[in-house]
PDB file of all heavy atoms in Angstrom:
ATOM      1  N   LEU A   1       0.700 -25.368  -6.769  1.00  0.00           N
ATOM      2  CA  LEU A   1       0.336 -24.301  -7.643  1.00  0.00           C
ATOM      3  C   LEU A   1       0.139 -23.008  -6.934  1.00  0.00           C
ATOM      4  O   LEU A   1      -0.132 -21.874  -7.654  1.00  0.00           O
ATOM      5  CB  LEU A   1      -0.971 -24.660  -8.433  1.00  0.00           C
ATOM      6  CG  LEU A   1      -0.855 -25.824  -9.396  1.00  0.00           C
ATOM      7  CD1 LEU A   1      -2.266 -26.191 -10.018  1.00  0.00           C
ATOM      8  CD2 LEU A   1       0.132 -25.550 -10.572  1.00  0.00           C
ATOM      9  N   TYR A   2       0.206 -23.047  -5.630  1.00  0.00           N
ATOM     10  CA  TYR A   2      -0.045 -21.776  -4.887  1.00  0.00           C
ATOM     11  C   TYR A   2       1.099 -20.810  -5.068  1.00  0.00           C
ATOM     12  O   TYR A   2       2.352 -20.999  -4.807  1.00  0.00           O
ATOM     13  CB  TYR A   2      -0.164 -22.064  -3.399  1.00  0.00           C
ATOM     14  CG  TYR A   2      -0.372 -20.929  -2.456  1.00  0.00           C
ATOM     15  CD1 TYR A   2      -1.568 -20.169  -2.591  1.00  0.00           C
ATOM     16  CD2 TYR A   2       0.711 -20.475  -1.602  1.00  0.00           C
ATOM     17  CE1 TYR A   2      -1.685 -19.048  -1.708  1.00  0.00           C
ATOM     18  CE2 TYR A   2       0.483 -19.353  -0.833  1.00  0.00           C
ATOM     19  CZ  TYR A   2      -0.727 -18.711  -0.872  1.00  0.00           C
ATOM     20  OH  TYR A   2      -0.868 -17.575  -0.105  1.00  0.00           O
ATOM     21  N   ALA A   3       0.737 -19.684  -5.738  1.00  0.00           N
ATOM     22  CA  ALA A   3       1.759 -18.622  -6.022  1.00  0.00           C
ATOM     23  C   ALA A   3       1.141 -17.238  -5.835  1.00  0.00           C
ATOM     24  O   ALA A   3       0.584 -16.633  -6.791  1.00  0.00           O
ATOM     25  CB  ALA A   3       2.291 -18.798  -7.428  1.00  0.00           C
ATOM     26  N   PRO A   4       1.065 -16.823  -4.577  1.00  0.00           N
ATOM     27  CA  PRO A   4       0.388 -15.508  -4.378  1.00  0.00           C
ATOM     28  C   PRO A   4       1.066 -14.400  -5.032  1.00  0.00           C
ATOM     29  O   PRO A   4       2.341 -14.306  -5.033  1.00  0.00           O
ATOM     30  CB  PRO A   4       0.426 -15.397  -2.780  1.00  0.00           C
ATOM     31  CG  PRO A   4       1.625 -16.200  -2.458  1.00  0.00           C
ATOM     32  CD  PRO A   4       1.661 -17.397  -3.370  1.00  0.00           C
ATOM     33  N   GLY A   5       0.316 -13.551  -5.688  1.00  0.00           N
ATOM     34  CA  GLY A   5       0.930 -12.388  -6.289  1.00  0.00           C
ATOM     35  C   GLY A   5       0.909 -11.196  -5.407  1.00  0.00           C
ATOM     36  O   GLY A   5       0.517 -11.275  -4.307  1.00  0.00           O
ATOM     37  N   HIS A   6       1.485 -10.092  -5.866  1.00  0.00           N
ATOM     38  CA  HIS A   6       1.618  -8.858  -5.144  1.00  0.00           C
ATOM     39  C   HIS A   6       0.897  -7.809  -5.898  1.00  0.00           C
ATOM     40  O   HIS A   6       1.537  -6.846  -6.532  1.00  0.00           O
ATOM     41  CB  HIS A   6       2.937  -8.528  -4.741  1.00  0.00           C
ATOM     42  CG  HIS A   6       3.694  -9.601  -3.904  1.00  0.00           C
ATOM     43  ND1 HIS A   6       3.453  -9.642  -2.572  1.00  0.00           N
ATOM     44  CD2 HIS A   6       4.415 -10.536  -4.187  1.00  0.00           C
ATOM     45  CE1 HIS A   6       4.169 -10.706  -2.069  1.00  0.00           C
ATOM     46  NE2 HIS A   6       4.768 -11.245  -3.046  1.00  0.00           N
ATOM     47  N   ALA A   7      -0.363  -7.847  -6.080  1.00  0.00           N
ATOM     48  CA  ALA A   7      -1.145  -6.910  -6.961  1.00  0.00           C
ATOM     49  C   ALA A   7      -0.962  -5.444  -6.341  1.00  0.00           C
ATOM     50  O   ALA A   7      -1.053  -5.307  -5.145  1.00  0.00           O
ATOM     51  CB  ALA A   7      -2.610  -7.299  -6.986  1.00  0.00           C
ATOM     52  N   GLY A   8      -0.808  -4.502  -7.227  1.00  0.00           N
ATOM     53  CA  GLY A   8      -0.706  -3.174  -6.818  1.00  0.00           C
ATOM     54  C   GLY A   8      -2.135  -2.599  -6.411  1.00  0.00           C
ATOM     55  O   GLY A   8      -3.166  -3.225  -6.607  1.00  0.00           O
ATOM     56  N   ILE A   9      -2.064  -1.459  -5.821  1.00  0.00           N
ATOM     57  CA  ILE A   9      -3.358  -0.840  -5.251  1.00  0.00           C
ATOM     58  C   ILE A   9      -4.019  -0.150  -6.475  1.00  0.00           C
ATOM     59  O   ILE A   9      -3.524   0.642  -7.178  1.00  0.00           O
ATOM     60  CB  ILE A   9      -3.078   0.186  -4.206  1.00  0.00           C
ATOM     61  CG1 ILE A   9      -2.478  -0.529  -3.051  1.00  0.00           C
ATOM     62  CG2 ILE A   9      -4.281   0.878  -3.816  1.00  0.00           C
ATOM     63  CD1 ILE A   9      -1.994   0.453  -1.923  1.00  0.00           C
ATOM     64  N   GLU A  10      -5.211  -0.559  -6.737  1.00  0.00           N
ATOM     65  CA  GLU A  10      -6.012  -0.019  -7.886  1.00  0.00           C
ATOM     66  C   GLU A  10      -6.925   1.096  -7.235  1.00  0.00           C
ATOM     67  O   GLU A  10      -7.970   0.744  -6.675  1.00  0.00           O
ATOM     68  CB  GLU A  10      -6.744  -1.058  -8.679  1.00  0.00           C
ATOM     69  CG  GLU A  10      -5.819  -2.056  -9.223  1.00  0.00           C
ATOM     70  CD  GLU A  10      -6.634  -3.108 -10.002  1.00  0.00           C
ATOM     71  OE1 GLU A  10      -7.880  -3.062  -9.967  1.00  0.00           O
ATOM     72  OE2 GLU A  10      -6.023  -4.055 -10.571  1.00  0.00           O
ATOM     73  N   SER A  11      -6.554   2.297  -7.330  1.00  0.00           N
ATOM     74  CA  SER A  11      -7.433   3.411  -6.665  1.00  0.00           C
ATOM     75  C   SER A  11      -7.198   4.761  -7.481  1.00  0.00           C
ATOM     76  O   SER A  11      -6.156   4.946  -7.972  1.00  0.00           O
ATOM     77  CB  SER A  11      -6.941   3.618  -5.198  1.00  0.00           C
ATOM     78  OG  SER A  11      -7.635   4.747  -4.662  1.00  0.00           O
ATOM     79  N   ILE A  12      -8.328   5.429  -7.571  1.00  0.00           N
ATOM     80  CA  ILE A  12      -8.255   6.756  -8.228  1.00  0.00           C
ATOM     81  C   ILE A  12      -7.707   7.733  -7.304  1.00  0.00           C
ATOM     82  O   ILE A  12      -7.579   8.991  -7.672  1.00  0.00           O
ATOM     83  CB  ILE A  12      -9.611   7.051  -8.806  1.00  0.00           C
ATOM     84  CG1 ILE A  12     -10.625   7.396  -7.664  1.00  0.00           C
ATOM     85  CG2 ILE A  12     -10.215   6.137  -9.760  1.00  0.00           C
ATOM     86  CD1 ILE A  12     -11.995   7.880  -8.061  1.00  0.00           C
ATOM     87  N   LEU A  13      -7.525   7.441  -5.950  1.00  0.00           N
ATOM     88  CA  LEU A  13      -7.146   8.398  -4.977  1.00  0.00           C
ATOM     89  C   LEU A  13      -5.632   8.511  -4.798  1.00  0.00           C
ATOM     90  O   LEU A  13      -5.157   9.057  -3.780  1.00  0.00           O
ATOM     91  CB  LEU A  13      -7.746   7.939  -3.632  1.00  0.00           C
ATOM     92  CG  LEU A  13      -9.266   7.908  -3.572  1.00  0.00           C
ATOM     93  CD1 LEU A  13      -9.824   7.496  -2.222  1.00  0.00           C
ATOM     94  CD2 LEU A  13      -9.873   9.217  -3.906  1.00  0.00           C
ATOM     95  N   ASP A  14      -4.856   7.807  -5.634  1.00  0.00           N
ATOM     96  CA  ASP A  14      -3.406   7.863  -5.472  1.00  0.00           C
ATOM     97  C   ASP A  14      -3.002   7.312  -4.126  1.00  0.00           C
ATOM     98  O   ASP A  14      -2.160   7.916  -3.402  1.00  0.00           O
ATOM     99  CB  ASP A  14      -2.818   9.295  -5.691  1.00  0.00           C
ATOM    100  CG  ASP A  14      -1.268   9.306  -5.776  1.00  0.00           C
ATOM    101  OD1 ASP A  14      -0.760   8.283  -6.262  1.00  0.00           O
ATOM    102  OD2 ASP A  14      -0.616  10.318  -5.442  1.00  0.00           O
ATOM    103  N   ALA A  15      -3.585   6.211  -3.769  1.00  0.00           N
ATOM    104  CA  ALA A  15      -3.369   5.599  -2.521  1.00  0.00           C
ATOM    105  C   ALA A  15      -2.070   4.871  -2.426  1.00  0.00           C
ATOM    106  O   ALA A  15      -1.575   4.377  -3.441  1.00  0.00           O
ATOM    107  CB  ALA A  15      -4.484   4.621  -2.092  1.00  0.00           C
ATOM    108  N   LYS A  16      -1.450   4.845  -1.242  1.00  0.00           N
ATOM    109  CA  LYS A  16      -0.077   4.136  -0.993  1.00  0.00           C
ATOM    110  C   LYS A  16      -0.411   2.917  -0.061  1.00  0.00           C
ATOM    111  O   LYS A  16      -1.334   2.998   0.813  1.00  0.00           O
ATOM    112  CB  LYS A  16       0.889   5.042  -0.461  1.00  0.00           C
ATOM    113  CG  LYS A  16       1.225   6.325  -1.295  1.00  0.00           C
ATOM    114  CD  LYS A  16       1.830   5.927  -2.622  1.00  0.00           C
ATOM    115  CE  LYS A  16       2.330   7.093  -3.342  1.00  0.00           C
ATOM    116  NZ  LYS A  16       1.242   7.954  -3.824  1.00  0.00           N
ATOM    117  N   PRO A  17       0.432   1.821  -0.079  1.00  0.00           N
ATOM    118  CA  PRO A  17       0.285   0.777   0.805  1.00  0.00           C
ATOM    119  C   PRO A  17       0.419   1.172   2.240  1.00  0.00           C
ATOM    120  O   PRO A  17       1.346   2.058   2.579  1.00  0.00           O
ATOM    121  CB  PRO A  17       1.338  -0.179   0.386  1.00  0.00           C
ATOM    122  CG  PRO A  17       1.694   0.114  -1.006  1.00  0.00           C
ATOM    123  CD  PRO A  17       1.494   1.621  -1.125  1.00  0.00           C
ATOM    124  N   PHE A  18      -0.314   0.716   3.185  1.00  0.00           N
ATOM    125  CA  PHE A  18      -0.168   1.021   4.611  1.00  0.00           C
ATOM    126  C   PHE A  18       1.012   0.330   5.263  1.00  0.00           C
ATOM    127  O   PHE A  18       1.290  -0.885   4.956  1.00  0.00           O
ATOM    128  CB  PHE A  18      -1.418   0.565   5.381  1.00  0.00           C
ATOM    129  CG  PHE A  18      -1.258   0.623   6.777  1.00  0.00           C
ATOM    130  CD1 PHE A  18      -1.364   1.920   7.400  1.00  0.00           C
ATOM    131  CD2 PHE A  18      -0.872  -0.418   7.616  1.00  0.00           C
ATOM    132  CE1 PHE A  18      -1.213   1.896   8.896  1.00  0.00           C
ATOM    133  CE2 PHE A  18      -0.710  -0.406   8.984  1.00  0.00           C
ATOM    134  CZ  PHE A  18      -0.804   0.808   9.594  1.00  0.00           C
ATOM    135  N   SER A  19       1.738   1.072   6.059  1.00  0.00           N
ATOM    136  CA  SER A  19       2.672   0.534   6.964  1.00  0.00           C
ATOM    137  C   SER A  19       2.789   1.571   8.079  1.00  0.00           C
ATOM    138  O   SER A  19       2.493   2.799   7.861  1.00  0.00           O
ATOM    139  CB  SER A  19       4.094   0.312   6.391  1.00  0.00           C
ATOM    140  OG  SER A  19       4.715   1.589   6.060  1.00  0.00           O
ATOM    141  N   GLU A  20       3.221   1.194   9.260  1.00  0.00           N
ATOM    142  CA  GLU A  20       3.278   2.233  10.354  1.00  0.00           C
ATOM    143  C   GLU A  20       4.297   3.245  10.001  1.00  0.00           C
ATOM    144  O   GLU A  20       4.136   4.437  10.467  1.00  0.00           O
ATOM    145  CB  GLU A  20       3.641   1.499  11.681  1.00  0.00           C
ATOM    146  CG  GLU A  20       2.403   0.587  12.086  1.00  0.00           C
ATOM    147  CD  GLU A  20       2.505   0.264  13.598  1.00  0.00           C
ATOM    148  OE1 GLU A  20       2.586   1.182  14.422  1.00  0.00           O
ATOM    149  OE2 GLU A  20       2.379  -1.013  13.919  1.00  0.00           O
ATOM    150  N   GLU A  21       5.364   3.001   9.268  1.00  0.00           N
ATOM    151  CA  GLU A  21       6.284   3.965   8.906  1.00  0.00           C
ATOM    152  C   GLU A  21       5.702   4.942   7.907  1.00  0.00           C
ATOM    153  O   GLU A  21       5.894   6.193   8.091  1.00  0.00           O
ATOM    154  CB  GLU A  21       7.587   3.330   8.236  1.00  0.00           C
ATOM    155  CG  GLU A  21       8.385   2.461   9.160  1.00  0.00           C
ATOM    156  CD  GLU A  21       7.859   0.959   9.221  1.00  0.00           C
ATOM    157  OE1 GLU A  21       6.706   0.709   8.793  1.00  0.00           O
ATOM    158  OE2 GLU A  21       8.569   0.215   9.743  1.00  0.00           O
ATOM    159  N   ALA A  22       4.909   4.456   6.953  1.00  0.00           N
ATOM    160  CA  ALA A  22       4.229   5.245   6.005  1.00  0.00           C
ATOM    161  C   ALA A  22       3.259   6.185   6.701  1.00  0.00           C
ATOM    162  O   ALA A  22       3.117   7.375   6.384  1.00  0.00           O
ATOM    163  CB  ALA A  22       3.573   4.523   4.865  1.00  0.00           C
ATOM    164  N   LEU A  23       2.540   5.670   7.683  1.00  0.00           N
ATOM    165  CA  LEU A  23       1.646   6.458   8.433  1.00  0.00           C
ATOM    166  C   LEU A  23       2.252   7.582   9.182  1.00  0.00           C
ATOM    167  O   LEU A  23       1.819   8.720   9.181  1.00  0.00           O
ATOM    168  CB  LEU A  23       0.823   5.610   9.390  1.00  0.00           C
ATOM    169  CG  LEU A  23      -0.140   6.329  10.253  1.00  0.00           C
ATOM    170  CD1 LEU A  23      -1.292   7.070   9.569  1.00  0.00           C
ATOM    171  CD2 LEU A  23      -0.855   5.317  11.282  1.00  0.00           C
ATOM    172  N   ALA A  24       3.405   7.240   9.873  1.00  0.00           N
ATOM    173  CA  ALA A  24       4.134   8.278  10.607  1.00  0.00           C
ATOM    174  C   ALA A  24       4.598   9.380   9.677  1.00  0.00           C
ATOM    175  O   ALA A  24       4.598  10.562  10.007  1.00  0.00           O
ATOM    176  CB  ALA A  24       5.320   7.662  11.368  1.00  0.00           C
ATOM    177  N   LYS A  25       5.129   8.979   8.587  1.00  0.00           N
ATOM    178  CA  LYS A  25       5.687   9.968   7.579  1.00  0.00           C
ATOM    179  C   LYS A  25       4.563  10.834   7.085  1.00  0.00           C
ATOM    180  O   LYS A  25       4.692  12.032   6.923  1.00  0.00           O
ATOM    181  CB  LYS A  25       6.351   9.199   6.399  1.00  0.00           C
ATOM    182  CG  LYS A  25       6.946  10.130   5.310  1.00  0.00           C
ATOM    183  CD  LYS A  25       7.624   9.382   4.267  1.00  0.00           C
ATOM    184  CE  LYS A  25       8.159  10.256   3.205  1.00  0.00           C
ATOM    185  NZ  LYS A  25       8.835   9.565   2.042  1.00  0.00           N
ATOM    186  N   ALA A  26       3.350  10.265   6.767  1.00  0.00           N
ATOM    187  CA  ALA A  26       2.320  10.969   6.242  1.00  0.00           C
ATOM    188  C   ALA A  26       1.685  12.022   7.273  1.00  0.00           C
ATOM    189  O   ALA A  26       1.428  13.167   6.964  1.00  0.00           O
ATOM    190  CB  ALA A  26       1.206  10.057   5.868  1.00  0.00           C
ATOM    191  N   ARG A  27       1.624  11.489   8.517  1.00  0.00           N
ATOM    192  CA  ARG A  27       1.133  12.461   9.616  1.00  0.00           C
ATOM    193  C   ARG A  27       2.151  13.570   9.842  1.00  0.00           C
ATOM    194  O   ARG A  27       1.815  14.705  10.215  1.00  0.00           O
ATOM    195  CB  ARG A  27       0.972  11.698  10.888  1.00  0.00           C
ATOM    196  CG  ARG A  27      -0.303  10.612  10.752  1.00  0.00           C
ATOM    197  CD  ARG A  27      -0.620  10.103  12.100  1.00  0.00           C
ATOM    198  NE  ARG A  27      -1.210  11.204  13.008  1.00  0.00           N
ATOM    199  CZ  ARG A  27      -1.516  10.984  14.229  1.00  0.00           C
ATOM    200  NH1 ARG A  27      -1.245   9.864  14.885  1.00  0.00           N
ATOM    201  NH2 ARG A  27      -2.097  11.974  14.919  1.00  0.00           N
ATOM    202  N   ALA A  28       3.462  13.306   9.692  1.00  0.00           N
ATOM    203  CA  ALA A  28       4.420  14.322  10.014  1.00  0.00           C
ATOM    204  C   ALA A  28       4.385  15.366   8.914  1.00  0.00           C
ATOM    205  O   ALA A  28       5.014  16.396   9.079  1.00  0.00           O
ATOM    206  CB  ALA A  28       5.952  13.626  10.012  1.00  0.00           C
TER     207      ALA A  28
END
């Protein structure tokens, strides 16, 4: 029965999922 979901980020800050590529793009 194990079926992990991929729940989105629930945030009022318009947050995005972390990845090192996303961090590099954000810092640039």
